[in-house]
Amino acid sequence: MHTIIKIAVVSVLALFAIVGVVSISNAETWSCSYVWRGEAEITVLKRSGNTFIESNGVETNIIFENDNIIHLYNTYGFTYFAQVLNKKEKSFSLVGIDGENDTDIITGKCVVN
């Protein structure tokens, strides 16, 4: 009886390990550095289905993707944020548009895992 329980426990643990490895290998993460107001900053975006979750917890939607780029968007208040992840150059650009007080364009290099 103990042998059957041990085999069952090992099988379940092996299944969790396999599922964990598959999940980790499918997780696309962009770690991007940039300068904002004279300070070096880093943002991390992790793919979750048709969205990316940013390091600050903001969910950013994918509106277009091909072999070269990913276009992302989200809104905060009245501001629309447009972001481009360049797959070939491993870089990103981000701008916030609200019609009156648009943000500066932020650009930076990224490491993609």
C-alpha atoms as a PDB file:
ATOM      1  CA  MET A   1       0.000   0.000   0.000  1.00  0.00           C
ATOM      2  CA  HIS A   2       2.813   2.423   0.869  1.00  0.00           C
ATOM      3  CA  THR A   3       4.471   1.708  -2.488  1.00  0.00           C
ATOM      4  CA  ILE A   4       1.303   2.694  -4.373  1.00  0.00           C
ATOM      5  CA  ILE A   5       1.053   5.938  -2.378  1.00  0.00           C
ATOM      6  CA  LYS A   6       4.732   6.708  -3.033  1.00  0.00           C
ATOM      7  CA  ILE A   7       4.276   6.073  -6.762  1.00  0.00           C
ATOM      8  CA  ALA A   8       1.181   8.319  -6.793  1.00  0.00           C
ATOM      9  CA  VAL A   9       2.981  11.120  -4.932  1.00  0.00           C
ATOM     10  CA  VAL A  10       6.033  10.905  -7.214  1.00  0.00           C
ATOM     11  CA  SER A  11       3.767  10.901 -10.296  1.00  0.00           C
ATOM     12  CA  VAL A  12       1.896  13.996  -9.103  1.00  0.00           C
ATOM     13  CA  LEU A  13       5.160  15.800  -8.274  1.00  0.00           C
ATOM     14  CA  ALA A  14       6.578  14.883 -11.690  1.00  0.00           C
ATOM     15  CA  LEU A  15       3.439  16.238 -13.373  1.00  0.00           C
ATOM     16  CA  PHE A  16       3.724  19.532 -11.458  1.00  0.00           C
ATOM     17  CA  ALA A  17       7.396  19.771 -12.422  1.00  0.00           C
ATOM     18  CA  ILE A  18       6.590  19.199 -16.106  1.00  0.00           C
ATOM     19  CA  VAL A  19       3.729  21.726 -16.065  1.00  0.00           C
ATOM     20  CA  GLY A  20       5.967  24.235 -14.251  1.00  0.00           C
ATOM     21  CA  VAL A  21       8.751  23.885 -16.819  1.00  0.00           C
ATOM     22  CA  VAL A  22       6.282  24.275 -19.700  1.00  0.00           C
ATOM     23  CA  SER A  23       4.761  27.376 -18.079  1.00  0.00           C
ATOM     24  CA  ILE A  24       8.163  28.932 -17.452  1.00  0.00           C
ATOM     25  CA  SER A  25       9.382  28.211 -20.970  1.00  0.00           C
ATOM     26  CA  ASN A  26       6.311  29.895 -22.477  1.00  0.00           C
ATOM     27  CA  ALA A  27       6.630  33.042 -20.345  1.00  0.00           C
ATOM     28  CA  GLU A  28       8.000  35.864 -22.503  1.00  0.00           C
ATOM     29  CA  THR A  29       9.590  38.591 -20.403  1.00  0.00           C
ATOM     30  CA  TRP A  30      10.939  41.951 -21.608  1.00  0.00           C
ATOM     31  CA  SER A  31      13.313  43.729 -19.207  1.00  0.00           C
ATOM     32  CA  CYS A  32      13.859  47.232 -20.555  1.00  0.00           C
ATOM     33  CA  SER A  33      16.068  50.081 -19.356  1.00  0.00           C
ATOM     34  CA  TYR A  34      15.594  53.766 -20.102  1.00  0.00           C
ATOM     35  CA  VAL A  35      16.289  57.239 -18.744  1.00  0.00           C
ATOM     36  CA  TRP A  36      13.386  59.273 -17.327  1.00  0.00           C
ATOM     37  CA  ARG A  37      13.999  62.798 -16.027  1.00  0.00           C
ATOM     38  CA  GLY A  38      17.710  62.108 -15.738  1.00  0.00           C
ATOM     39  CA  GLU A  39      17.276  58.889 -13.758  1.00  0.00           C
ATOM     40  CA  ALA A  40      17.992  55.362 -15.010  1.00  0.00           C
ATOM     41  CA  GLU A  41      14.837  53.238 -14.819  1.00  0.00           C
ATOM     42  CA  ILE A  42      13.906  49.639 -15.570  1.00  0.00           C
ATOM     43  CA  THR A  43      10.537  48.225 -16.518  1.00  0.00           C
ATOM     44  CA  VAL A  44       9.678  44.548 -16.813  1.00  0.00           C
ATOM     45  CA  LEU A  45       6.816  43.276 -18.957  1.00  0.00           C
ATOM     46  CA  LYS A  46       5.721  39.646 -18.712  1.00  0.00           C
ATOM     47  CA  ARG A  47       3.412  38.130 -21.323  1.00  0.00           C
ATOM     48  CA  SER A  48       0.164  36.684 -20.036  1.00  0.00           C
ATOM     49  CA  GLY A  49      -1.976  35.494 -22.965  1.00  0.00           C
ATOM     50  CA  ASN A  50      -2.978  38.534 -25.043  1.00  0.00           C
ATOM     51  CA  THR A  51      -1.610  41.001 -22.510  1.00  0.00           C
ATOM     52  CA  PHE A  52       1.623  41.972 -20.806  1.00  0.00           C
ATOM     53  CA  ILE A  53       1.749  42.604 -17.066  1.00  0.00           C
ATOM     54  CA  GLU A  54       4.132  45.447 -16.264  1.00  0.00           C
ATOM     55  CA  SER A  55       6.380  45.495 -13.190  1.00  0.00           C
ATOM     56  CA  ASN A  56       4.042  48.059 -11.592  1.00  0.00           C
ATOM     57  CA  GLY A  57       1.088  45.652 -11.974  1.00  0.00           C
ATOM     58  CA  VAL A  58      -0.524  47.452 -14.922  1.00  0.00           C
ATOM     59  CA  GLU A  59      -2.051  45.143 -17.524  1.00  0.00           C
ATOM     60  CA  THR A  60      -1.225  46.269 -21.058  1.00  0.00           C
ATOM     61  CA  ASN A  61      -3.207  44.910 -24.015  1.00  0.00           C
ATOM     62  CA  ILE A  62      -1.684  43.639 -27.248  1.00  0.00           C
ATOM     63  CA  ILE A  63      -3.449  45.292 -30.207  1.00  0.00           C
ATOM     64  CA  PHE A  64      -1.102  44.087 -32.963  1.00  0.00           C
ATOM     65  CA  GLU A  65       1.760  41.631 -33.299  1.00  0.00           C
ATOM     66  CA  ASN A  66       3.875  40.253 -36.125  1.00  0.00           C
ATOM     67  CA  ASP A  67       7.414  38.877 -36.488  1.00  0.00           C
ATOM     68  CA  ASN A  68       8.934  42.352 -35.996  1.00  0.00           C
ATOM     69  CA  ILE A  69       6.866  44.278 -33.436  1.00  0.00           C
ATOM     70  CA  ILE A  70       4.260  44.134 -30.707  1.00  0.00           C
ATOM     71  CA  HIS A  71       1.905  47.116 -30.264  1.00  0.00           C
ATOM     72  CA  LEU A  72       0.527  47.558 -26.751  1.00  0.00           C
ATOM     73  CA  TYR A  73      -1.950  49.990 -25.224  1.00  0.00           C
ATOM     74  CA  ASN A  74      -3.566  50.888 -21.949  1.00  0.00           C
ATOM     75  CA  THR A  75      -5.312  53.866 -20.435  1.00  0.00           C
ATOM     76  CA  TYR A  76      -4.950  55.716 -17.151  1.00  0.00           C
ATOM     77  CA  GLY A  77      -7.514  58.386 -16.503  1.00  0.00           C
ATOM     78  CA  PHE A  78      -7.798  60.373 -19.734  1.00  0.00           C
ATOM     79  CA  THR A  79      -4.377  59.325 -20.996  1.00  0.00           C
ATOM     80  CA  TYR A  80      -3.865  56.705 -23.709  1.00  0.00           C
ATOM     81  CA  PHE A  81      -0.506  54.939 -23.522  1.00  0.00           C
ATOM     82  CA  ALA A  82       0.929  53.483 -26.726  1.00  0.00           C
ATOM     83  CA  GLN A  83       3.914  51.190 -26.538  1.00  0.00           C
ATOM     84  CA  VAL A  84       5.943  49.381 -29.202  1.00  0.00           C
ATOM     85  CA  LEU A  85       8.167  46.394 -28.482  1.00  0.00           C
ATOM     86  CA  ASN A  86      10.614  45.911 -31.349  1.00  0.00           C
ATOM     87  CA  LYS A  87      11.451  42.204 -31.587  1.00  0.00           C
ATOM     88  CA  LYS A  88      14.311  42.653 -34.070  1.00  0.00           C
ATOM     89  CA  GLU A  89      16.086  45.506 -32.251  1.00  0.00           C
ATOM     90  CA  LYS A  90      15.127  44.316 -28.721  1.00  0.00           C
ATOM     91  CA  SER A  91      13.938  47.798 -27.850  1.00  0.00           C
ATOM     92  CA  PHE A  92      10.803  49.648 -26.790  1.00  0.00           C
ATOM     93  CA  SER A  93       9.135  53.032 -27.154  1.00  0.00           C
ATOM     94  CA  LEU A  94       6.328  54.457 -25.025  1.00  0.00           C
ATOM     95  CA  VAL A  95       4.261  57.636 -25.136  1.00  0.00           C
ATOM     96  CA  GLY A  96       1.208  58.879 -23.260  1.00  0.00           C
ATOM     97  CA  ILE A  97      -1.336  60.966 -25.183  1.00  0.00           C
ATOM     98  CA  ASP A  98      -4.149  62.951 -23.607  1.00  0.00           C
ATOM     99  CA  GLY A  99      -4.604  65.842 -26.027  1.00  0.00           C
ATOM    100  CA  GLU A 100      -3.191  68.523 -23.727  1.00  0.00           C
ATOM    101  CA  ASN A 101      -0.247  67.217 -21.746  1.00  0.00           C
ATOM    102  CA  ASP A 102       1.287  64.417 -23.783  1.00  0.00           C
ATOM    103  CA  THR A 103       4.263  62.678 -22.217  1.00  0.00           C
ATOM    104  CA  ASP A 104       7.757  62.639 -23.637  1.00  0.00           C
ATOM    105  CA  ILE A 105       8.562  59.641 -25.797  1.00  0.00           C
ATOM    106  CA  ILE A 106      10.497  57.100 -23.759  1.00  0.00           C
ATOM    107  CA  THR A 107      12.808  54.662 -25.551  1.00  0.00           C
ATOM    108  CA  GLY A 108      15.183  51.994 -24.348  1.00  0.00           C
ATOM    109  CA  LYS A 109      16.925  48.701 -24.949  1.00  0.00           C
ATOM    110  CA  CYS A 110      15.545  45.394 -23.701  1.00  0.00           C
ATOM    111  CA  VAL A 111      16.609  41.905 -22.777  1.00  0.00           C
ATOM    112  CA  VAL A 112      14.026  39.326 -23.843  1.00  0.00           C
ATOM    113  CA  ASN A 113      13.662  35.943 -22.177  1.00  0.00           C
END
